[in-house]
Amino acid sequence: MAFQAAEQSSFSFPRLRQKQSFPTRPVACHEDPSLVLALGEVPYFAAVALLDAKSLCALDATNRTINAMNRSHIGPWRAFGSAKFEGLELERHGTFDQPEAESQKSRSHNKAARMDWKGRLAMFRKELPLFCEPYHGGEISVAEKPDEVAYFQCRLRTDLLNSQTSSGVYIEVEVFENPDNLSMAVVDFEAGGCSSVTFSPNTGAVIRERKVREAPRKVEGAYVQPLPMVPSGKRFHGLMGLYLQAGRLAFFRRCDPEPTDRKSGPGIWENTGFISDLSWAEGRRLTPCLALRDAGKYRVKITHVDKEPPSMPQQTSGTWNELDWEASSPGTDGNQAD
């Protein structure tokens, strides 16, 4: 039976778009100096570091000075956000802990010192689970042309996620409706690379590609099939996700049950295991995206950008099959693997 790995990939990616910078405002940490002295900053910050977000919000509501202290550079909101958004980045916003672009590092300390860290945390929560334009928002409803690509606003910082102690990043989308097939990928184009790793929930395959030449188009790569194909003729509906931890990639899939079988509950989670390292990637940023194969009506929503996958993948070593094809134009398949 012919395997359709090449059909799920070899798409053409447009350049990524930039977002406007996030405004900051000064935070007055000493509105009531006598109260700050009475509390004692060091014991206070050590105590509130143990609180969760709900408890911190309740504490903020009790006193203006405490509210300002909590939002400050050494306050608990900064520590909370740094842990929650480790390894995640928003374009022109940087990582949570680094509010300026790298070209402006010389002034970053001053800007960080006057940052409203609770406001920045709220902004990250809002912006991370969104797509870039033209799919601005958290849900895709239509693709105007075949082979369109929807980029996520978040970036994955591989240098920060490469440590064995990193908890990793998990990104999940739910597919309610699609006219044909769609795939989930990560690409290294931010650093001028030309490579990607793509997961096809329909075929269960993971495809690794590198564009060798633009015209005539030539792509090299390989594929492995750690999961079975969905039943023939069925479109994928359900949840799929990617997990990056300690320099390793894994993909997840949970197929929705058929309408006649929904009384049995949701489908089971499947994962590819840690199927790929990051030796293929250039630079230290990866951009997640969705490849929408056909034009038409979609209903695809980002459901999670956090740290916890449905289960912890195991290291796996499938058999990779080589791909090497040429195509006359982007989106046109060349040689297909059997």
C-alpha atoms as a PDB file:
ATOM      1  CA  MET A   1       0.000   0.000   0.000  1.00  0.00           C
ATOM      2  CA  ALA A   2       1.383   3.350  -0.981  1.00  0.00           C
ATOM      3  CA  PHE A   3       2.327   5.501   1.968  1.00  0.00           C
ATOM      4  CA  GLN A   4       1.364   9.147   1.601  1.00  0.00           C
ATOM      5  CA  ALA A   5       3.972  10.827   3.792  1.00  0.00           C
ATOM      6  CA  ALA A   6       5.033  13.261   1.083  1.00  0.00           C
ATOM      7  CA  GLU A   7       1.455  14.502   0.705  1.00  0.00           C
ATOM      8  CA  GLN A   8       1.445  15.756   4.262  1.00  0.00           C
ATOM      9  CA  SER A   9       4.535  17.909   3.890  1.00  0.00           C
ATOM     10  CA  SER A  10       6.745  19.781   1.455  1.00  0.00           C
ATOM     11  CA  PHE A  11       4.699  22.938   1.961  1.00  0.00           C
ATOM     12  CA  SER A  12       5.939  26.474   1.325  1.00  0.00           C
ATOM     13  CA  PHE A  13       6.259  28.729   4.376  1.00  0.00           C
ATOM     14  CA  PRO A  14       5.812  32.535   4.162  1.00  0.00           C
ATOM     15  CA  ARG A  15       7.913  34.769   6.374  1.00  0.00           C
ATOM     16  CA  LEU A  16       6.746  35.246   9.945  1.00  0.00           C
ATOM     17  CA  ARG A  17       4.992  38.431  10.965  1.00  0.00           C
ATOM     18  CA  GLN A  18       5.870  40.674  13.865  1.00  0.00           C
ATOM     19  CA  LYS A  19       3.645  41.913  16.654  1.00  0.00           C
ATOM     20  CA  GLN A  20       3.560  45.309  18.310  1.00  0.00           C
ATOM     21  CA  SER A  21       5.605  45.679  21.476  1.00  0.00           C
ATOM     22  CA  PHE A  22       3.919  45.395  24.877  1.00  0.00           C
ATOM     23  CA  PRO A  23       3.704  48.704  26.734  1.00  0.00           C
ATOM     24  CA  THR A  24       5.115  48.874  30.220  1.00  0.00           C
ATOM     25  CA  ARG A  25       4.328  51.238  33.062  1.00  0.00           C
ATOM     26  CA  PRO A  26       6.270  52.186  36.176  1.00  0.00           C
ATOM     27  CA  VAL A  27       5.340  50.423  39.398  1.00  0.00           C
ATOM     28  CA  ALA A  28       5.722  52.291  42.665  1.00  0.00           C
ATOM     29  CA  CYS A  29       6.926  49.695  45.166  1.00  0.00           C
ATOM     30  CA  HIS A  30       7.043  52.000  48.182  1.00  0.00           C
ATOM     31  CA  GLU A  31       3.697  53.789  48.309  1.00  0.00           C
ATOM     32  CA  ASP A  32       3.701  53.294  52.075  1.00  0.00           C
ATOM     33  CA  PRO A  33       7.322  53.011  53.325  1.00  0.00           C
ATOM     34  CA  SER A  34       6.297  52.410  56.924  1.00  0.00           C
ATOM     35  CA  LEU A  35       4.262  49.335  55.988  1.00  0.00           C
ATOM     36  CA  VAL A  36       7.101  47.928  53.888  1.00  0.00           C
ATOM     37  CA  LEU A  37       9.505  48.379  56.808  1.00  0.00           C
ATOM     38  CA  ALA A  38       7.067  46.699  59.171  1.00  0.00           C
ATOM     39  CA  LEU A  39       6.646  43.679  56.933  1.00  0.00           C
ATOM     40  CA  GLY A  40      10.308  43.222  56.077  1.00  0.00           C
ATOM     41  CA  GLU A  41      10.929  42.628  52.377  1.00  0.00           C
ATOM     42  CA  VAL A  42      13.062  39.475  52.575  1.00  0.00           C
ATOM     43  CA  PRO A  43      10.741  37.427  54.847  1.00  0.00           C
ATOM     44  CA  TYR A  44       7.706  38.702  52.960  1.00  0.00           C
ATOM     45  CA  PHE A  45       8.953  37.699  49.505  1.00  0.00           C
ATOM     46  CA  ALA A  46      10.107  34.309  50.802  1.00  0.00           C
ATOM     47  CA  ALA A  47       6.600  33.655  52.159  1.00  0.00           C
ATOM     48  CA  VAL A  48       4.561  34.783  49.151  1.00  0.00           C
ATOM     49  CA  ALA A  49       6.772  32.769  46.787  1.00  0.00           C
ATOM     50  CA  LEU A  50       4.897  29.711  48.102  1.00  0.00           C
ATOM     51  CA  LEU A  51       1.484  30.983  46.944  1.00  0.00           C
ATOM     52  CA  ASP A  52      -0.350  30.038  43.763  1.00  0.00           C
ATOM     53  CA  ALA A  53      -1.821  32.553  41.306  1.00  0.00           C
ATOM     54  CA  LYS A  54      -5.297  32.588  42.896  1.00  0.00           C
ATOM     55  CA  SER A  55      -3.878  33.259  46.356  1.00  0.00           C
ATOM     56  CA  LEU A  56      -1.599  36.002  45.012  1.00  0.00           C
ATOM     57  CA  CYS A  57      -4.574  37.733  43.385  1.00  0.00           C
ATOM     58  CA  ALA A  58      -6.449  37.622  46.686  1.00  0.00           C
ATOM     59  CA  LEU A  59      -3.428  39.067  48.471  1.00  0.00           C
ATOM     60  CA  ASP A  60      -3.103  41.854  45.871  1.00  0.00           C
ATOM     61  CA  ALA A  61      -6.650  42.965  46.663  1.00  0.00           C
ATOM     62  CA  THR A  62      -5.894  43.573  50.332  1.00  0.00           C
ATOM     63  CA  ASN A  63      -3.484  46.497  50.109  1.00  0.00           C
ATOM     64  CA  ARG A  64      -2.109  48.887  47.475  1.00  0.00           C
ATOM     65  CA  THR A  65       1.452  48.641  48.734  1.00  0.00           C
ATOM     66  CA  ILE A  66       1.386  44.826  48.814  1.00  0.00           C
ATOM     67  CA  ASN A  67      -0.115  44.865  45.310  1.00  0.00           C
ATOM     68  CA  ALA A  68       2.753  47.045  44.069  1.00  0.00           C
ATOM     69  CA  MET A  69       5.383  44.928  45.834  1.00  0.00           C
ATOM     70  CA  ASN A  70       4.005  41.742  44.310  1.00  0.00           C
ATOM     71  CA  ARG A  71       4.170  43.227  40.796  1.00  0.00           C
ATOM     72  CA  SER A  72       7.734  44.506  41.256  1.00  0.00           C
ATOM     73  CA  HIS A  73      11.023  43.215  39.828  1.00  0.00           C
ATOM     74  CA  ILE A  74      11.716  41.083  42.907  1.00  0.00           C
ATOM     75  CA  GLY A  75       8.059  40.201  43.546  1.00  0.00           C
ATOM     76  CA  PRO A  76       6.295  36.837  43.271  1.00  0.00           C
ATOM     77  CA  TRP A  77       4.536  37.542  39.956  1.00  0.00           C
ATOM     78  CA  ARG A  78       7.848  37.671  38.142  1.00  0.00           C
ATOM     79  CA  ALA A  79       9.002  34.397  39.723  1.00  0.00           C
ATOM     80  CA  PHE A  80       5.636  32.754  38.998  1.00  0.00           C
ATOM     81  CA  GLY A  81       5.678  33.805  35.332  1.00  0.00           C
ATOM     82  CA  SER A  82       9.320  32.820  34.839  1.00  0.00           C
ATOM     83  CA  ALA A  83       8.549  29.272  35.953  1.00  0.00           C
ATOM     84  CA  LYS A  84       5.234  28.978  34.109  1.00  0.00           C
ATOM     85  CA  PHE A  85       6.515  30.286  30.756  1.00  0.00           C
ATOM     86  CA  GLU A  86      10.005  28.795  30.786  1.00  0.00           C
ATOM     87  CA  GLY A  87      11.238  28.245  27.227  1.00  0.00           C
ATOM     88  CA  LEU A  88       8.393  30.223  25.612  1.00  0.00           C
ATOM     89  CA  GLU A  89       8.814  33.461  23.718  1.00  0.00           C
ATOM     90  CA  LEU A  90       6.589  36.006  22.007  1.00  0.00           C
ATOM     91  CA  GLU A  91       8.008  37.928  19.057  1.00  0.00           C
ATOM     92  CA  ARG A  92       9.051  41.486  20.040  1.00  0.00           C
ATOM     93  CA  HIS A  93       8.157  40.633  23.642  1.00  0.00           C
ATOM     94  CA  GLY A  94      11.010  38.202  24.233  1.00  0.00           C
ATOM     95  CA  THR A  95      10.819  35.546  26.905  1.00  0.00           C
ATOM     96  CA  PHE A  96       8.806  36.325  30.012  1.00  0.00           C
ATOM     97  CA  ASP A  97      11.959  37.258  31.958  1.00  0.00           C
ATOM     98  CA  GLN A  98      13.515  39.250  29.099  1.00  0.00           C
ATOM     99  CA  PRO A  99      11.213  42.110  28.057  1.00  0.00           C
ATOM    100  CA  GLU A 100      13.419  43.548  25.306  1.00  0.00           C
ATOM    101  CA  ALA A 101      14.880  42.377  22.025  1.00  0.00           C
ATOM    102  CA  GLU A 102      18.472  41.153  22.221  1.00  0.00           C
ATOM    103  CA  SER A 103      19.708  44.194  20.303  1.00  0.00           C
ATOM    104  CA  GLN A 104      18.622  46.360  23.260  1.00  0.00           C
ATOM    105  CA  LYS A 105      20.210  44.308  26.043  1.00  0.00           C
ATOM    106  CA  SER A 106      22.179  47.276  27.322  1.00  0.00           C
ATOM    107  CA  ARG A 107      18.959  48.835  28.619  1.00  0.00           C
ATOM    108  CA  SER A 108      17.137  45.657  29.570  1.00  0.00           C
ATOM    109  CA  HIS A 109      17.870  45.891  33.297  1.00  0.00           C
ATOM    110  CA  ASN A 110      16.209  49.305  33.633  1.00  0.00           C
ATOM    111  CA  LYS A 111      13.170  48.179  31.691  1.00  0.00           C
ATOM    112  CA  ALA A 112      12.874  44.968  33.687  1.00  0.00           C
ATOM    113  CA  ALA A 113      13.075  46.931  36.930  1.00  0.00           C
ATOM    114  CA  ARG A 114      10.007  49.021  36.063  1.00  0.00           C
ATOM    115  CA  MET A 115       7.978  46.225  34.455  1.00  0.00           C
ATOM    116  CA  ASP A 116       4.483  45.443  35.747  1.00  0.00           C
ATOM    117  CA  TRP A 117       5.104  41.687  36.028  1.00  0.00           C
ATOM    118  CA  LYS A 118       1.518  40.783  36.825  1.00  0.00           C
ATOM    119  CA  GLY A 119       0.383  42.665  33.723  1.00  0.00           C
ATOM    120  CA  ARG A 120       3.069  40.926  31.668  1.00  0.00           C
ATOM    121  CA  LEU A 121       1.881  37.550  32.930  1.00  0.00           C
ATOM    122  CA  ALA A 122      -1.678  38.379  31.879  1.00  0.00           C
ATOM    123  CA  MET A 123      -0.414  39.396  28.433  1.00  0.00           C
ATOM    124  CA  PHE A 124       1.530  36.129  28.006  1.00  0.00           C
ATOM    125  CA  ARG A 125      -1.518  34.097  29.014  1.00  0.00           C
ATOM    126  CA  LYS A 126      -3.590  35.923  26.409  1.00  0.00           C
ATOM    127  CA  GLU A 127      -1.087  35.992  23.528  1.00  0.00           C
ATOM    128  CA  LEU A 128       0.571  32.565  23.709  1.00  0.00           C
ATOM    129  CA  PRO A 129      -2.471  30.499  22.587  1.00  0.00           C
ATOM    130  CA  LEU A 130      -3.038  32.593  19.434  1.00  0.00           C
ATOM    131  CA  PHE A 131      -2.160  32.280  15.749  1.00  0.00           C
ATOM    132  CA  CYS A 132      -0.309  34.925  13.759  1.00  0.00           C
ATOM    133  CA  GLU A 133      -2.067  36.926  11.049  1.00  0.00           C
ATOM    134  CA  PRO A 134      -3.972  36.285   8.848  1.00  0.00           C
ATOM    135  CA  TYR A 135      -5.270  33.716  11.349  1.00  0.00           C
ATOM    136  CA  HIS A 136      -5.232  36.208  14.198  1.00  0.00           C
ATOM    137  CA  GLY A 137      -6.964  34.721  17.219  1.00  0.00           C
ATOM    138  CA  GLY A 138      -7.092  31.305  18.790  1.00  0.00           C
ATOM    139  CA  GLU A 139      -9.250  29.571  16.172  1.00  0.00           C
ATOM    140  CA  ILE A 140      -9.047  28.942  12.421  1.00  0.00           C
ATOM    141  CA  SER A 141     -12.368  28.945  10.561  1.00  0.00           C
ATOM    142  CA  VAL A 142     -11.385  28.993   6.882  1.00  0.00           C
ATOM    143  CA  ALA A 143      -8.392  28.601   4.568  1.00  0.00           C
ATOM    144  CA  GLU A 144      -8.659  30.677   1.416  1.00  0.00           C
ATOM    145  CA  LYS A 145      -6.048  28.724  -0.595  1.00  0.00           C
ATOM    146  CA  PRO A 146      -4.571  25.207  -0.553  1.00  0.00           C
ATOM    147  CA  ASP A 147      -1.328  24.549   1.326  1.00  0.00           C
ATOM    148  CA  GLU A 148      -1.650  27.510   3.679  1.00  0.00           C
ATOM    149  CA  VAL A 149       0.366  27.632   6.898  1.00  0.00           C
ATOM    150  CA  ALA A 150      -0.910  29.007  10.207  1.00  0.00           C
ATOM    151  CA  TYR A 151       1.944  30.021  12.536  1.00  0.00           C
ATOM    152  CA  PHE A 152       1.565  30.142  16.283  1.00  0.00           C
ATOM    153  CA  GLN A 153       2.487  33.407  18.024  1.00  0.00           C
ATOM    154  CA  CYS A 154       4.636  31.541  20.520  1.00  0.00           C
ATOM    155  CA  ARG A 155       8.225  30.474  19.840  1.00  0.00           C
ATOM    156  CA  LEU A 156      10.099  27.605  21.475  1.00  0.00           C
ATOM    157  CA  ARG A 157      13.514  28.550  22.836  1.00  0.00           C
ATOM    158  CA  THR A 158      15.567  25.409  22.341  1.00  0.00           C
ATOM    159  CA  ASP A 159      18.502  26.778  24.351  1.00  0.00           C
ATOM    160  CA  LEU A 160      16.265  27.086  27.414  1.00  0.00           C
ATOM    161  CA  LEU A 161      14.499  23.764  26.863  1.00  0.00           C
ATOM    162  CA  ASN A 162      17.630  21.716  26.255  1.00  0.00           C
ATOM    163  CA  SER A 163      18.395  21.089  29.927  1.00  0.00           C
ATOM    164  CA  GLN A 164      17.508  17.762  31.528  1.00  0.00           C
ATOM    165  CA  THR A 165      15.959  19.723  34.401  1.00  0.00           C
ATOM    166  CA  SER A 166      13.580  21.634  32.101  1.00  0.00           C
ATOM    167  CA  SER A 167       9.923  20.690  32.499  1.00  0.00           C
ATOM    168  CA  GLY A 168       9.353  21.220  28.769  1.00  0.00           C
ATOM    169  CA  VAL A 169       6.565  22.841  26.736  1.00  0.00           C
ATOM    170  CA  TYR A 170       3.354  21.195  25.518  1.00  0.00           C
ATOM    171  CA  ILE A 171       1.159  22.730  22.781  1.00  0.00           C
ATOM    172  CA  GLU A 172      -2.228  21.248  21.877  1.00  0.00           C
ATOM    173  CA  VAL A 173      -4.909  21.977  19.270  1.00  0.00           C
ATOM    174  CA  GLU A 174      -8.373  20.526  18.771  1.00  0.00           C
ATOM    175  CA  VAL A 175      -9.656  19.775  15.268  1.00  0.00           C
ATOM    176  CA  PHE A 176     -13.446  19.882  15.014  1.00  0.00           C
ATOM    177  CA  GLU A 177     -13.754  20.254  11.239  1.00  0.00           C
ATOM    178  CA  ASN A 178     -11.432  20.177   8.222  1.00  0.00           C
ATOM    179  CA  PRO A 179     -12.033  19.698   4.482  1.00  0.00           C
ATOM    180  CA  ASP A 180      -9.089  17.341   3.907  1.00  0.00           C
ATOM    181  CA  ASN A 181      -5.913  16.863   5.961  1.00  0.00           C
ATOM    182  CA  LEU A 182      -3.836  19.040   8.236  1.00  0.00           C
ATOM    183  CA  SER A 183      -0.498  18.559   9.963  1.00  0.00           C
ATOM    184  CA  MET A 184       1.364  19.997  12.954  1.00  0.00           C
ATOM    185  CA  ALA A 185       4.978  21.089  12.538  1.00  0.00           C
ATOM    186  CA  VAL A 186       7.894  22.995  14.011  1.00  0.00           C
ATOM    187  CA  VAL A 187      10.201  24.999  11.725  1.00  0.00           C
ATOM    188  CA  ASP A 188      13.562  26.756  12.176  1.00  0.00           C
ATOM    189  CA  PHE A 189      13.007  29.661   9.767  1.00  0.00           C
ATOM    190  CA  GLU A 190      13.578  32.371  12.413  1.00  0.00           C
ATOM    191  CA  ALA A 191      17.318  31.658  12.288  1.00  0.00           C
ATOM    192  CA  GLY A 192      17.395  31.482   8.485  1.00  0.00           C
ATOM    193  CA  GLY A 193      17.047  27.705   8.434  1.00  0.00           C
ATOM    194  CA  CYS A 194      15.031  25.669   5.937  1.00  0.00           C
ATOM    195  CA  SER A 195      14.080  22.575   7.932  1.00  0.00           C
ATOM    196  CA  SER A 196      10.980  21.237   9.624  1.00  0.00           C
ATOM    197  CA  VAL A 197       9.610  18.262  11.528  1.00  0.00           C
ATOM    198  CA  THR A 198       5.960  17.507  10.772  1.00  0.00           C
ATOM    199  CA  PHE A 199       3.406  15.209  12.379  1.00  0.00           C
ATOM    200  CA  SER A 200       0.502  13.923  10.282  1.00  0.00           C
ATOM    201  CA  PRO A 201      -2.354  12.766  12.543  1.00  0.00           C
ATOM    202  CA  ASN A 202      -4.012  11.038   9.570  1.00  0.00           C
ATOM    203  CA  THR A 203      -1.087   8.813   8.632  1.00  0.00           C
ATOM    204  CA  GLY A 204       0.533   8.640  12.063  1.00  0.00           C
ATOM    205  CA  ALA A 205       3.831   9.612  10.424  1.00  0.00           C
ATOM    206  CA  VAL A 206       6.547  12.071  11.449  1.00  0.00           C
ATOM    207  CA  ILE A 207       8.369  13.674   8.507  1.00  0.00           C
ATOM    208  CA  ARG A 208      11.705  15.465   8.758  1.00  0.00           C
ATOM    209  CA  GLU A 209      12.538  17.754   5.810  1.00  0.00           C
ATOM    210  CA  ARG A 210      15.180  20.155   4.606  1.00  0.00           C
ATOM    211  CA  LYS A 211      14.745  22.330   1.523  1.00  0.00           C
ATOM    212  CA  VAL A 212      17.892  21.988  -0.574  1.00  0.00           C
ATOM    213  CA  ARG A 213      16.864  24.176  -3.504  1.00  0.00           C
ATOM    214  CA  GLU A 214      13.980  26.552  -4.166  1.00  0.00           C
ATOM    215  CA  ALA A 215      13.793  26.403  -7.989  1.00  0.00           C
ATOM    216  CA  PRO A 216      13.413  23.801  -9.191  1.00  0.00           C
ATOM    217  CA  ARG A 217      12.246  22.743  -5.767  1.00  0.00           C
ATOM    218  CA  LYS A 218      14.263  19.960  -4.149  1.00  0.00           C
ATOM    219  CA  VAL A 219      13.636  18.528  -0.691  1.00  0.00           C
ATOM    220  CA  GLU A 220      15.567  15.952   1.290  1.00  0.00           C
ATOM    221  CA  GLY A 221      14.416  14.216   4.418  1.00  0.00           C
ATOM    222  CA  ALA A 222      13.061  11.090   6.012  1.00  0.00           C
ATOM    223  CA  TYR A 223       9.897   9.755   7.595  1.00  0.00           C
ATOM    224  CA  VAL A 224       8.972   7.289  10.298  1.00  0.00           C
ATOM    225  CA  GLN A 225       5.536   5.929  11.188  1.00  0.00           C
ATOM    226  CA  PRO A 226       5.276   5.382  14.949  1.00  0.00           C
ATOM    227  CA  LEU A 227       1.446   5.440  14.983  1.00  0.00           C
ATOM    228  CA  PRO A 228      -1.070   3.608  12.774  1.00  0.00           C
ATOM    229  CA  MET A 229      -3.086   5.385  10.102  1.00  0.00           C
ATOM    230  CA  VAL A 230      -6.623   6.471  10.893  1.00  0.00           C
ATOM    231  CA  PRO A 231      -9.240   4.320   9.116  1.00  0.00           C
ATOM    232  CA  SER A 232      -9.138   4.789   5.355  1.00  0.00           C
ATOM    233  CA  GLY A 233     -11.246   7.663   4.079  1.00  0.00           C
ATOM    234  CA  LYS A 234     -11.649   9.248   7.540  1.00  0.00           C
ATOM    235  CA  ARG A 235     -10.577  12.812   8.268  1.00  0.00           C
ATOM    236  CA  PHE A 236      -8.834  13.449  11.539  1.00  0.00           C
ATOM    237  CA  HIS A 237     -11.018  15.017  14.204  1.00  0.00           C
ATOM    238  CA  GLY A 238      -9.778  15.224  17.748  1.00  0.00           C
ATOM    239  CA  LEU A 239      -6.771  16.511  19.688  1.00  0.00           C
ATOM    240  CA  MET A 240      -3.132  16.617  18.649  1.00  0.00           C
ATOM    241  CA  GLY A 241      -0.121  18.135  20.329  1.00  0.00           C
ATOM    242  CA  LEU A 242       3.641  18.442  20.452  1.00  0.00           C
ATOM    243  CA  TYR A 243       5.927  18.232  23.459  1.00  0.00           C
ATOM    244  CA  LEU A 244       9.496  19.558  23.545  1.00  0.00           C
ATOM    245  CA  GLN A 245      11.625  18.631  26.540  1.00  0.00           C
ATOM    246  CA  ALA A 246      15.391  18.273  27.030  1.00  0.00           C
ATOM    247  CA  GLY A 247      16.033  18.728  23.300  1.00  0.00           C
ATOM    248  CA  ARG A 248      13.594  15.962  22.308  1.00  0.00           C
ATOM    249  CA  LEU A 249      10.325  16.114  20.351  1.00  0.00           C
ATOM    250  CA  ALA A 250       7.216  13.987  20.796  1.00  0.00           C
ATOM    251  CA  PHE A 251       3.771  14.221  19.205  1.00  0.00           C
ATOM    252  CA  PHE A 252       0.355  13.265  20.577  1.00  0.00           C
ATOM    253  CA  ARG A 253      -2.970  12.263  19.031  1.00  0.00           C
ATOM    254  CA  ARG A 254      -6.423  11.491  20.375  1.00  0.00           C
ATOM    255  CA  CYS A 255      -9.003  10.665  17.720  1.00  0.00           C
ATOM    256  CA  ASP A 256     -12.639  11.505  18.345  1.00  0.00           C
ATOM    257  CA  PRO A 257     -14.909   8.445  18.387  1.00  0.00           C
ATOM    258  CA  GLU A 258     -17.370   7.871  15.575  1.00  0.00           C
ATOM    259  CA  PRO A 259     -20.878   9.366  16.175  1.00  0.00           C
ATOM    260  CA  THR A 260     -22.266   5.844  16.635  1.00  0.00           C
ATOM    261  CA  ASP A 261     -19.650   5.067  19.306  1.00  0.00           C
ATOM    262  CA  ARG A 262     -19.635   8.230  21.417  1.00  0.00           C
ATOM    263  CA  LYS A 263     -21.362   6.595  24.373  1.00  0.00           C
ATOM    264  CA  SER A 264     -18.088   4.796  25.066  1.00  0.00           C
ATOM    265  CA  GLY A 265     -16.400   8.138  25.836  1.00  0.00           C
ATOM    266  CA  PRO A 266     -13.427   9.931  24.262  1.00  0.00           C
ATOM    267  CA  GLY A 267     -10.713   8.097  22.371  1.00  0.00           C
ATOM    268  CA  ILE A 268      -7.410   7.085  23.909  1.00  0.00           C
ATOM    269  CA  TRP A 269      -4.270   9.211  23.842  1.00  0.00           C
ATOM    270  CA  GLU A 270      -1.461   7.951  21.620  1.00  0.00           C
ATOM    271  CA  ASN A 271       2.036   9.384  21.348  1.00  0.00           C
ATOM    272  CA  THR A 272       5.033   8.897  19.098  1.00  0.00           C
ATOM    273  CA  GLY A 273       7.496   8.784  21.976  1.00  0.00           C
ATOM    274  CA  PHE A 274      10.490  11.089  21.815  1.00  0.00           C
ATOM    275  CA  ILE A 275      10.856  10.512  18.089  1.00  0.00           C
ATOM    276  CA  SER A 276      13.351  13.239  17.136  1.00  0.00           C
ATOM    277  CA  ASP A 277      16.129  15.313  18.624  1.00  0.00           C
ATOM    278  CA  LEU A 278      16.951  18.874  17.461  1.00  0.00           C
ATOM    279  CA  SER A 279      20.100  18.175  15.457  1.00  0.00           C
ATOM    280  CA  TRP A 280      18.229  19.222  12.293  1.00  0.00           C
ATOM    281  CA  ALA A 281      17.410  22.748  13.548  1.00  0.00           C
ATOM    282  CA  GLU A 282      19.341  25.991  12.980  1.00  0.00           C
ATOM    283  CA  GLY A 283      19.518  28.629  15.708  1.00  0.00           C
ATOM    284  CA  ARG A 284      17.756  28.535  19.041  1.00  0.00           C
ATOM    285  CA  ARG A 285      14.134  29.286  18.104  1.00  0.00           C
ATOM    286  CA  LEU A 286      11.503  26.952  16.693  1.00  0.00           C
ATOM    287  CA  THR A 287       8.095  28.127  15.481  1.00  0.00           C
ATOM    288  CA  PRO A 288       5.114  25.770  15.786  1.00  0.00           C
ATOM    289  CA  CYS A 289       2.579  25.869  12.963  1.00  0.00           C
ATOM    290  CA  LEU A 290      -0.267  24.032  11.249  1.00  0.00           C
ATOM    291  CA  ALA A 291      -0.168  23.089   7.549  1.00  0.00           C
ATOM    292  CA  LEU A 292      -3.669  23.285   6.047  1.00  0.00           C
ATOM    293  CA  ARG A 293      -3.592  21.062   2.996  1.00  0.00           C
ATOM    294  CA  ASP A 294      -6.832  22.058   1.275  1.00  0.00           C
ATOM    295  CA  ALA A 295      -8.820  25.277   1.019  1.00  0.00           C
ATOM    296  CA  GLY A 296     -12.199  25.324   2.692  1.00  0.00           C
ATOM    297  CA  LYS A 297     -13.944  25.462   6.023  1.00  0.00           C
ATOM    298  CA  TYR A 298     -11.988  24.575   9.157  1.00  0.00           C
ATOM    299  CA  ARG A 299     -12.646  24.658  12.850  1.00  0.00           C
ATOM    300  CA  VAL A 300      -9.321  24.306  14.633  1.00  0.00           C
ATOM    301  CA  LYS A 301      -8.658  25.772  18.066  1.00  0.00           C
ATOM    302  CA  ILE A 302      -5.551  26.076  20.273  1.00  0.00           C
ATOM    303  CA  THR A 303      -6.483  24.473  23.582  1.00  0.00           C
ATOM    304  CA  HIS A 304      -3.239  24.398  25.601  1.00  0.00           C
ATOM    305  CA  VAL A 305       0.147  26.064  25.762  1.00  0.00           C
ATOM    306  CA  ASP A 306       1.644  24.819  29.013  1.00  0.00           C
ATOM    307  CA  LYS A 307       4.024  22.248  30.477  1.00  0.00           C
ATOM    308  CA  GLU A 308       2.070  19.060  31.109  1.00  0.00           C
ATOM    309  CA  PRO A 309       1.525  16.576  28.247  1.00  0.00           C
ATOM    310  CA  PRO A 310      -1.255  13.968  28.544  1.00  0.00           C
ATOM    311  CA  SER A 311       1.427  11.400  29.472  1.00  0.00           C
ATOM    312  CA  MET A 312       5.215  11.318  29.600  1.00  0.00           C
ATOM    313  CA  PRO A 313       6.630   9.945  26.336  1.00  0.00           C
ATOM    314  CA  GLN A 314       9.329   7.298  26.317  1.00  0.00           C
ATOM    315  CA  GLN A 315      12.461   7.411  24.209  1.00  0.00           C
ATOM    316  CA  THR A 316      11.817   5.603  20.927  1.00  0.00           C
ATOM    317  CA  SER A 317      13.865   4.622  17.898  1.00  0.00           C
ATOM    318  CA  GLY A 318      11.758   3.922  14.817  1.00  0.00           C
ATOM    319  CA  THR A 319      13.082   3.118  11.363  1.00  0.00           C
ATOM    320  CA  TRP A 320      13.476   6.293   9.320  1.00  0.00           C
ATOM    321  CA  ASN A 321      12.908   5.954   5.565  1.00  0.00           C
ATOM    322  CA  GLU A 322      14.670   8.387   3.274  1.00  0.00           C
ATOM    323  CA  LEU A 323      12.803  10.971   1.205  1.00  0.00           C
ATOM    324  CA  ASP A 324      14.418  12.766  -1.725  1.00  0.00           C
ATOM    325  CA  TRP A 325      12.257  14.419  -4.333  1.00  0.00           C
ATOM    326  CA  GLU A 326      11.910  17.363  -6.660  1.00  0.00           C
ATOM    327  CA  ALA A 327       8.745  19.305  -7.408  1.00  0.00           C
ATOM    328  CA  SER A 328       7.981  21.827 -10.115  1.00  0.00           C
ATOM    329  CA  SER A 329       6.342  24.242  -7.692  1.00  0.00           C
ATOM    330  CA  PRO A 330       5.656  24.606  -3.967  1.00  0.00           C
ATOM    331  CA  GLY A 331       2.884  22.289  -2.817  1.00  0.00           C
ATOM    332  CA  THR A 332       3.379  19.883  -5.737  1.00  0.00           C
ATOM    333  CA  ASP A 333       4.438  16.427  -4.654  1.00  0.00           C
ATOM    334  CA  GLY A 334       7.429  14.759  -6.126  1.00  0.00           C
ATOM    335  CA  ASN A 335       8.497  11.159  -5.571  1.00  0.00           C
ATOM    336  CA  GLN A 336       6.393   9.434  -2.946  1.00  0.00           C
ATOM    337  CA  ALA A 337       7.596   6.808  -0.539  1.00  0.00           C
ATOM    338  CA  ASP A 338       5.983   3.401  -0.748  1.00  0.00           C
END
